[in-house]
């Protein structure tokens, strides 16, 4: 029998197993944008914002679509 105090550890490991690719995509896109994010936080200008969007489109798209990707779990298909 599993000790109940460590139940959260098993749930966390299980969560990482099912969402491994999604978490890796988030980490890599933030890593790609790390310098631009720092520049935007220090000296925000619209030209820097537009440069970031146009120079890193894949990272921006990944970060924008992450909520939809996490909410689209494998739902069973309803059959009539």
PDB file of N, CA and C in Angstrom:
ATOM      1  N   UNK A   1       0.833  -1.175   0.000  1.00  0.00           N
ATOM      2  CA  UNK A   1       0.000   0.000   0.000  1.00  0.00           C
ATOM      3  C   UNK A   1       0.883   1.244   0.000  1.00  0.00           C
ATOM      4  N   UNK A   2       0.476   2.245  -0.769  1.00  0.00           N
ATOM      5  CA  UNK A   2       1.245   3.476  -0.892  1.00  0.00           C
ATOM      6  C   UNK A   2       0.952   4.369   0.306  1.00  0.00           C
ATOM      7  N   UNK A   3       2.013   4.896   0.869  1.00  0.00           N
ATOM      8  CA  UNK A   3       1.849   5.821   1.980  1.00  0.00           C
ATOM      9  C   UNK A   3       1.154   7.080   1.473  1.00  0.00           C
ATOM     10  N   UNK A   4       0.144   7.538   2.167  1.00  0.00           N
ATOM     11  CA  UNK A   4      -0.705   8.629   1.696  1.00  0.00           C
ATOM     12  C   UNK A   4       0.036   9.960   1.648  1.00  0.00           C
ATOM     13  N   UNK A   5       1.096  10.134   2.401  1.00  0.00           N
ATOM     14  CA  UNK A   5       1.841  11.383   2.395  1.00  0.00           C
ATOM     15  C   UNK A   5       2.579  11.612   1.090  1.00  0.00           C
ATOM     16  N   UNK A   6       2.893  10.545   0.379  1.00  0.00           N
ATOM     17  CA  UNK A   6       3.632  10.663  -0.867  1.00  0.00           C
ATOM     18  C   UNK A   6       2.730  10.587  -2.089  1.00  0.00           C
ATOM     19  N   UNK A   7       1.433  10.702  -1.897  1.00  0.00           N
ATOM     20  CA  UNK A   7       0.484  10.632  -2.997  1.00  0.00           C
ATOM     21  C   UNK A   7       0.694  11.779  -3.978  1.00  0.00           C
ATOM     22  N   UNK A   8       1.042  12.961  -3.473  1.00  0.00           N
ATOM     23  CA  UNK A   8       1.255  14.103  -4.350  1.00  0.00           C
ATOM     24  C   UNK A   8       2.464  13.911  -5.255  1.00  0.00           C
ATOM     25  N   UNK A   9       3.458  13.171  -4.790  1.00  0.00           N
ATOM     26  CA  UNK A   9       4.640  12.904  -5.616  1.00  0.00           C
ATOM     27  C   UNK A   9       4.259  12.021  -6.796  1.00  0.00           C
ATOM     28  N   UNK A  10       3.454  11.008  -6.545  1.00  0.00           N
ATOM     29  CA  UNK A  10       3.019  10.141  -7.638  1.00  0.00           C
ATOM     30  C   UNK A  10       2.124  10.892  -8.624  1.00  0.00           C
ATOM     31  N   UNK A  11       1.285  11.785  -8.102  1.00  0.00           N
ATOM     32  CA  UNK A  11       0.444  12.580  -8.990  1.00  0.00           C
ATOM     33  C   UNK A  11       1.282  13.525  -9.828  1.00  0.00           C
ATOM     34  N   UNK A  12       2.335  14.111  -9.255  1.00  0.00           N
ATOM     35  CA  UNK A  12       3.223  15.009  -9.987  1.00  0.00           C
ATOM     36  C   UNK A  12       3.993  14.256 -11.065  1.00  0.00           C
ATOM     37  N   UNK A  13       4.498  13.086 -10.740  1.00  0.00           N
ATOM     38  CA  UNK A  13       5.213  12.266 -11.727  1.00  0.00           C
ATOM     39  C   UNK A  13       4.279  11.856 -12.851  1.00  0.00           C
ATOM     40  N   UNK A  14       3.069  11.481 -12.507  1.00  0.00           N
ATOM     41  CA  UNK A  14       2.075  11.103 -13.501  1.00  0.00           C
ATOM     42  C   UNK A  14       1.738  12.288 -14.405  1.00  0.00           C
ATOM     43  N   UNK A  15       1.611  13.485 -13.819  1.00  0.00           N
ATOM     44  CA  UNK A  15       1.332  14.689 -14.604  1.00  0.00           C
ATOM     45  C   UNK A  15       2.459  14.964 -15.599  1.00  0.00           C
ATOM     46  N   UNK A  16       3.710  14.835 -15.138  1.00  0.00           N
ATOM     47  CA  UNK A  16       4.844  15.057 -16.022  1.00  0.00           C
ATOM     48  C   UNK A  16       4.924  14.016 -17.128  1.00  0.00           C
ATOM     49  N   UNK A  17       4.532  12.798 -16.834  1.00  0.00           N
ATOM     50  CA  UNK A  17       4.559  11.762 -17.868  1.00  0.00           C
ATOM     51  C   UNK A  17       3.576  12.055 -18.987  1.00  0.00           C
ATOM     52  N   UNK A  18       2.399  12.535 -18.636  1.00  0.00           N
ATOM     53  CA  UNK A  18       1.374  12.792 -19.647  1.00  0.00           C
ATOM     54  C   UNK A  18       1.562  14.119 -20.372  1.00  0.00           C
ATOM     55  N   UNK A  19       2.276  15.072 -19.767  1.00  0.00           N
ATOM     56  CA  UNK A  19       2.444  16.393 -20.358  1.00  0.00           C
ATOM     57  C   UNK A  19       3.898  16.734 -20.632  1.00  0.00           C
ATOM     58  N   UNK A  20       4.727  15.738 -20.846  1.00  0.00           N
ATOM     59  CA  UNK A  20       6.158  15.946 -21.025  1.00  0.00           C
ATOM     60  C   UNK A  20       6.457  16.834 -22.230  1.00  0.00           C
ATOM     61  N   UNK A  21       5.858  16.549 -23.356  1.00  0.00           N
ATOM     62  CA  UNK A  21       6.125  17.306 -24.572  1.00  0.00           C
ATOM     63  C   UNK A  21       5.651  18.753 -24.440  1.00  0.00           C
ATOM     64  N   UNK A  22       4.523  18.956 -23.813  1.00  0.00           N
ATOM     65  CA  UNK A  22       3.998  20.310 -23.639  1.00  0.00           C
ATOM     66  C   UNK A  22       4.911  21.141 -22.738  1.00  0.00           C
ATOM     67  N   UNK A  23       5.403  20.535 -21.683  1.00  0.00           N
ATOM     68  CA  UNK A  23       6.283  21.248 -20.753  1.00  0.00           C
ATOM     69  C   UNK A  23       7.612  21.566 -21.424  1.00  0.00           C
ATOM     70  N   UNK A  24       8.133  20.644 -22.212  1.00  0.00           N
ATOM     71  CA  UNK A  24       9.383  20.887 -22.933  1.00  0.00           C
ATOM     72  C   UNK A  24       9.202  22.023 -23.934  1.00  0.00           C
ATOM     73  N   UNK A  25       8.073  22.078 -24.628  1.00  0.00           N
ATOM     74  CA  UNK A  25       7.809  23.166 -25.571  1.00  0.00           C
ATOM     75  C   UNK A  25       7.771  24.520 -24.870  1.00  0.00           C
ATOM     76  N   UNK A  26       7.153  24.579 -23.711  1.00  0.00           N
ATOM     77  CA  UNK A  26       7.098  25.839 -22.962  1.00  0.00           C
ATOM     78  C   UNK A  26       8.492  26.281 -22.541  1.00  0.00           C
ATOM     79  N   UNK A  27       9.262  25.355 -22.003  1.00  0.00           N
ATOM     80  CA  UNK A  27      10.602  25.685 -21.526  1.00  0.00           C
ATOM     81  C   UNK A  27      11.496  26.146 -22.679  1.00  0.00           C
ATOM     82  N   UNK A  28      11.441  25.448 -23.801  1.00  0.00           N
ATOM     83  CA  UNK A  28      12.278  25.829 -24.937  1.00  0.00           C
ATOM     84  C   UNK A  28      11.863  27.160 -25.549  1.00  0.00           C
ATOM     85  N   UNK A  29      10.562  27.446 -25.580  1.00  0.00           N
ATOM     86  CA  UNK A  29      10.137  28.728 -26.147  1.00  0.00           C
ATOM     87  C   UNK A  29      10.522  29.890 -25.230  1.00  0.00           C
ATOM     88  N   UNK A  30      10.432  29.703 -23.923  1.00  0.00           N
ATOM     89  CA  UNK A  30      10.879  30.750 -23.006  1.00  0.00           C
ATOM     90  C   UNK A  30      12.393  30.915 -23.083  1.00  0.00           C
ATOM     91  N   UNK A  31      13.109  29.817 -23.242  1.00  0.00           N
ATOM     92  CA  UNK A  31      14.562  29.896 -23.392  1.00  0.00           C
ATOM     93  C   UNK A  31      14.934  30.644 -24.663  1.00  0.00           C
ATOM     94  N   UNK A  32      14.170  30.449 -25.723  1.00  0.00           N
ATOM     95  CA  UNK A  32      14.426  31.154 -26.976  1.00  0.00           C
ATOM     96  C   UNK A  32      14.177  32.650 -26.829  1.00  0.00           C
ATOM     97  N   UNK A  33      13.224  33.017 -26.009  1.00  0.00           N
ATOM     98  CA  UNK A  33      12.856  34.428 -25.834  1.00  0.00           C
ATOM     99  C   UNK A  33      13.534  35.098 -24.643  1.00  0.00           C
ATOM    100  N   UNK A  34      14.469  34.448 -23.988  1.00  0.00           N
ATOM    101  CA  UNK A  34      14.999  34.935 -22.723  1.00  0.00           C
ATOM    102  C   UNK A  34      15.637  36.320 -22.836  1.00  0.00           C
ATOM    103  N   UNK A  35      16.406  36.575 -23.878  1.00  0.00           N
ATOM    104  CA  UNK A  35      17.072  37.872 -24.022  1.00  0.00           C
ATOM    105  C   UNK A  35      16.052  38.951 -24.367  1.00  0.00           C
ATOM    106  N   UNK A  36      15.116  38.620 -25.245  1.00  0.00           N
ATOM    107  CA  UNK A  36      14.103  39.598 -25.628  1.00  0.00           C
ATOM    108  C   UNK A  36      13.165  39.916 -24.474  1.00  0.00           C
ATOM    109  N   UNK A  37      12.849  38.930 -23.653  1.00  0.00           N
ATOM    110  CA  UNK A  37      12.006  39.181 -22.479  1.00  0.00           C
ATOM    111  C   UNK A  37      12.734  40.103 -21.509  1.00  0.00           C
ATOM    112  N   UNK A  38      14.014  39.856 -21.311  1.00  0.00           N
ATOM    113  CA  UNK A  38      14.796  40.716 -20.422  1.00  0.00           C
ATOM    114  C   UNK A  38      14.847  42.143 -20.961  1.00  0.00           C
ATOM    115  N   UNK A  39      15.036  42.272 -22.267  1.00  0.00           N
ATOM    116  CA  UNK A  39      15.073  43.598 -22.880  1.00  0.00           C
ATOM    117  C   UNK A  39      13.722  44.303 -22.770  1.00  0.00           C
ATOM    118  N   UNK A  40      12.638  43.548 -22.975  1.00  0.00           N
ATOM    119  CA  UNK A  40      11.302  44.139 -22.849  1.00  0.00           C
ATOM    120  C   UNK A  40      10.996  44.565 -21.414  1.00  0.00           C
ATOM    121  N   UNK A  41      11.451  43.800 -20.441  1.00  0.00           N
ATOM    122  CA  UNK A  41      11.201  44.164 -19.049  1.00  0.00           C
ATOM    123  C   UNK A  41      12.029  45.370 -18.615  1.00  0.00           C
ATOM    124  N   UNK A  42      13.243  45.493 -19.140  1.00  0.00           N
ATOM    125  CA  UNK A  42      14.093  46.627 -18.766  1.00  0.00           C
ATOM    126  C   UNK A  42      13.693  47.910 -19.494  1.00  0.00           C
ATOM    127  N   UNK A  43      13.560  47.818 -20.818  1.00  0.00           N
ATOM    128  CA  UNK A  43      13.273  49.000 -21.639  1.00  0.00           C
ATOM    129  C   UNK A  43      12.191  48.634 -22.641  1.00  0.00           C
ATOM    130  N   UNK A  44      10.955  48.803 -22.242  1.00  0.00           N
ATOM    131  CA  UNK A  44       9.864  48.441 -23.138  1.00  0.00           C
ATOM    132  C   UNK A  44       9.694  49.489 -24.223  1.00  0.00           C
ATOM    133  N   UNK A  45       9.750  49.041 -25.476  1.00  0.00           N
ATOM    134  CA  UNK A  45       9.381  49.873 -26.618  1.00  0.00           C
ATOM    135  C   UNK A  45       8.569  49.006 -27.559  1.00  0.00           C
ATOM    136  N   UNK A  46       7.738  49.645 -28.331  1.00  0.00           N
ATOM    137  CA  UNK A  46       6.927  48.887 -29.276  1.00  0.00           C
ATOM    138  C   UNK A  46       7.782  48.290 -30.388  1.00  0.00           C
ATOM    139  N   UNK A  47       8.885  48.947 -30.726  1.00  0.00           N
ATOM    140  CA  UNK A  47       9.766  48.383 -31.752  1.00  0.00           C
ATOM    141  C   UNK A  47      10.415  47.087 -31.261  1.00  0.00           C
ATOM    142  N   UNK A  48      10.766  47.028 -29.978  1.00  0.00           N
ATOM    143  CA  UNK A  48      11.314  45.792 -29.418  1.00  0.00           C
ATOM    144  C   UNK A  48      10.251  44.702 -29.381  1.00  0.00           C
ATOM    145  N   UNK A  49       9.033  45.075 -29.051  1.00  0.00           N
ATOM    146  CA  UNK A  49       7.940  44.106 -29.033  1.00  0.00           C
ATOM    147  C   UNK A  49       7.688  43.543 -30.432  1.00  0.00           C
ATOM    148  N   UNK A  50       7.644  44.409 -31.426  1.00  0.00           N
ATOM    149  CA  UNK A  50       7.435  43.946 -32.801  1.00  0.00           C
ATOM    150  C   UNK A  50       8.610  43.112 -33.295  1.00  0.00           C
ATOM    151  N   UNK A  51       9.824  43.517 -32.928  1.00  0.00           N
ATOM    152  CA  UNK A  51      11.002  42.728 -33.299  1.00  0.00           C
ATOM    153  C   UNK A  51      10.914  41.325 -32.703  1.00  0.00           C
ATOM    154  N   UNK A  52      10.525  41.226 -31.443  1.00  0.00           N
ATOM    155  CA  UNK A  52      10.402  39.921 -30.781  1.00  0.00           C
ATOM    156  C   UNK A  52       9.360  39.057 -31.467  1.00  0.00           C
ATOM    157  N   UNK A  53       8.234  39.639 -31.813  1.00  0.00           N
ATOM    158  CA  UNK A  53       7.170  38.869 -32.463  1.00  0.00           C
ATOM    159  C   UNK A  53       7.597  38.396 -33.847  1.00  0.00           C
ATOM    160  N   UNK A  54       8.251  39.259 -34.606  1.00  0.00           N
ATOM    161  CA  UNK A  54       8.625  38.892 -35.975  1.00  0.00           C
ATOM    162  C   UNK A  54       9.869  38.007 -36.049  1.00  0.00           C
ATOM    163  N   UNK A  55      10.738  38.070 -35.074  1.00  0.00           N
ATOM    164  CA  UNK A  55      11.959  37.260 -35.108  1.00  0.00           C
ATOM    165  C   UNK A  55      11.802  35.897 -34.433  1.00  0.00           C
ATOM    166  N   UNK A  56      10.793  35.738 -33.602  1.00  0.00           N
ATOM    167  CA  UNK A  56      10.572  34.468 -32.909  1.00  0.00           C
ATOM    168  C   UNK A  56       9.112  34.032 -33.045  1.00  0.00           C
ATOM    169  N   UNK A  57       8.630  33.814 -34.251  1.00  0.00           N
ATOM    170  CA  UNK A  57       7.201  33.499 -34.404  1.00  0.00           C
ATOM    171  C   UNK A  57       6.806  32.147 -33.801  1.00  0.00           C
ATOM    172  N   UNK A  58       7.674  31.157 -33.899  1.00  0.00           N
ATOM    173  CA  UNK A  58       7.325  29.839 -33.366  1.00  0.00           C
ATOM    174  C   UNK A  58       7.191  29.868 -31.851  1.00  0.00           C
ATOM    175  N   UNK A  59       8.114  30.517 -31.179  1.00  0.00           N
ATOM    176  CA  UNK A  59       8.052  30.605 -29.721  1.00  0.00           C
ATOM    177  C   UNK A  59       6.811  31.382 -29.272  1.00  0.00           C
ATOM    178  N   UNK A  60       6.473  32.437 -29.992  1.00  0.00           N
ATOM    179  CA  UNK A  60       5.288  33.230 -29.648  1.00  0.00           C
ATOM    180  C   UNK A  60       4.028  32.400 -29.847  1.00  0.00           C
ATOM    181  N   UNK A  61       3.943  31.672 -30.953  1.00  0.00           N
ATOM    182  CA  UNK A  61       2.760  30.843 -31.223  1.00  0.00           C
ATOM    183  C   UNK A  61       2.617  29.742 -30.182  1.00  0.00           C
ATOM    184  N   UNK A  62       3.723  29.136 -29.785  1.00  0.00           N
ATOM    185  CA  UNK A  62       3.673  28.087 -28.759  1.00  0.00           C
ATOM    186  C   UNK A  62       3.147  28.659 -27.445  1.00  0.00           C
ATOM    187  N   UNK A  63       3.644  29.816 -27.040  1.00  0.00           N
ATOM    188  CA  UNK A  63       3.199  30.391 -25.777  1.00  0.00           C
ATOM    189  C   UNK A  63       1.751  30.862 -25.833  1.00  0.00           C
ATOM    190  N   UNK A  64       1.285  31.291 -26.988  1.00  0.00           N
ATOM    191  CA  UNK A  64      -0.109  31.728 -27.106  1.00  0.00           C
ATOM    192  C   UNK A  64      -1.055  30.532 -27.094  1.00  0.00           C
ATOM    193  N   UNK A  65      -0.663  29.433 -27.726  1.00  0.00           N
ATOM    194  CA  UNK A  65      -1.567  28.284 -27.847  1.00  0.00           C
ATOM    195  C   UNK A  65      -1.458  27.277 -26.703  1.00  0.00           C
ATOM    196  N   UNK A  66      -0.581  27.484 -25.753  1.00  0.00           N
ATOM    197  CA  UNK A  66      -0.414  26.537 -24.653  1.00  0.00           C
ATOM    198  C   UNK A  66      -1.695  26.330 -23.845  1.00  0.00           C
ATOM    199  N   UNK A  67      -2.470  27.351 -23.502  1.00  0.00           N
ATOM    200  CA  UNK A  67      -3.707  27.068 -22.747  1.00  0.00           C
ATOM    201  C   UNK A  67      -4.664  26.151 -23.502  1.00  0.00           C
ATOM    202  N   UNK A  68      -4.791  26.341 -24.789  1.00  0.00           N
ATOM    203  CA  UNK A  68      -5.678  25.482 -25.576  1.00  0.00           C
ATOM    204  C   UNK A  68      -5.125  24.061 -25.647  1.00  0.00           C
ATOM    205  N   UNK A  69      -3.815  23.939 -25.761  1.00  0.00           N
ATOM    206  CA  UNK A  69      -3.204  22.608 -25.837  1.00  0.00           C
ATOM    207  C   UNK A  69      -3.395  21.850 -24.517  1.00  0.00           C
ATOM    208  N   UNK A  70      -3.236  22.534 -23.384  1.00  0.00           N
ATOM    209  CA  UNK A  70      -3.407  21.868 -22.094  1.00  0.00           C
ATOM    210  C   UNK A  70      -4.864  21.506 -21.834  1.00  0.00           C
ATOM    211  N   UNK A  71      -5.797  22.283 -22.347  1.00  0.00           N
ATOM    212  CA  UNK A  71      -7.213  21.995 -22.130  1.00  0.00           C
ATOM    213  C   UNK A  71      -7.752  20.935 -23.068  1.00  0.00           C
ATOM    214  N   UNK A  72      -7.052  20.636 -24.136  1.00  0.00           N
ATOM    215  CA  UNK A  72      -7.540  19.636 -25.093  1.00  0.00           C
ATOM    216  C   UNK A  72      -6.974  18.266 -24.739  1.00  0.00           C
ATOM    217  N   UNK A  73      -7.421  17.738 -23.632  1.00  0.00           N
ATOM    218  CA  UNK A  73      -6.980  16.407 -23.218  1.00  0.00           C
ATOM    219  C   UNK A  73      -7.666  15.373 -24.098  1.00  0.00           C
ATOM    220  N   UNK A  74      -7.161  14.186 -24.054  1.00  0.00           N
ATOM    221  CA  UNK A  74      -7.729  13.122 -24.862  1.00  0.00           C
ATOM    222  C   UNK A  74      -9.106  12.759 -24.328  1.00  0.00           C
ATOM    223  N   UNK A  75     -10.098  13.378 -24.917  1.00  0.00           N
ATOM    224  CA  UNK A  75     -11.465  13.133 -24.494  1.00  0.00           C
ATOM    225  C   UNK A  75     -12.024  11.961 -25.292  1.00  0.00           C
ATOM    226  N   UNK A  76     -12.764  11.103 -24.645  1.00  0.00           N
ATOM    227  CA  UNK A  76     -13.318   9.980 -25.387  1.00  0.00           C
ATOM    228  C   UNK A  76     -14.371  10.448 -26.393  1.00  0.00           C
ATOM    229  N   UNK A  77     -14.408   9.782 -27.502  1.00  0.00           N
ATOM    230  CA  UNK A  77     -15.363  10.105 -28.555  1.00  0.00           C
ATOM    231  C   UNK A  77     -16.710   9.513 -28.178  1.00  0.00           C
ATOM    232  N   UNK A  78     -17.745  10.358 -28.245  1.00  0.00           N
ATOM    233  CA  UNK A  78     -19.089   9.881 -27.929  1.00  0.00           C
ATOM    234  C   UNK A  78     -19.665   9.209 -29.154  1.00  0.00           C
ATOM    235  N   UNK A  79     -20.093   8.002 -28.977  1.00  0.00           N
ATOM    236  CA  UNK A  79     -20.699   7.266 -30.077  1.00  0.00           C
ATOM    237  C   UNK A  79     -22.187   7.175 -29.867  1.00  0.00           C
ATOM    238  N   UNK A  80     -22.899   7.253 -30.943  1.00  0.00           N
ATOM    239  CA  UNK A  80     -24.363   7.185 -30.857  1.00  0.00           C
ATOM    240  C   UNK A  80     -24.851   5.767 -30.769  1.00  0.00           C
TER     241      UNK A  80
END
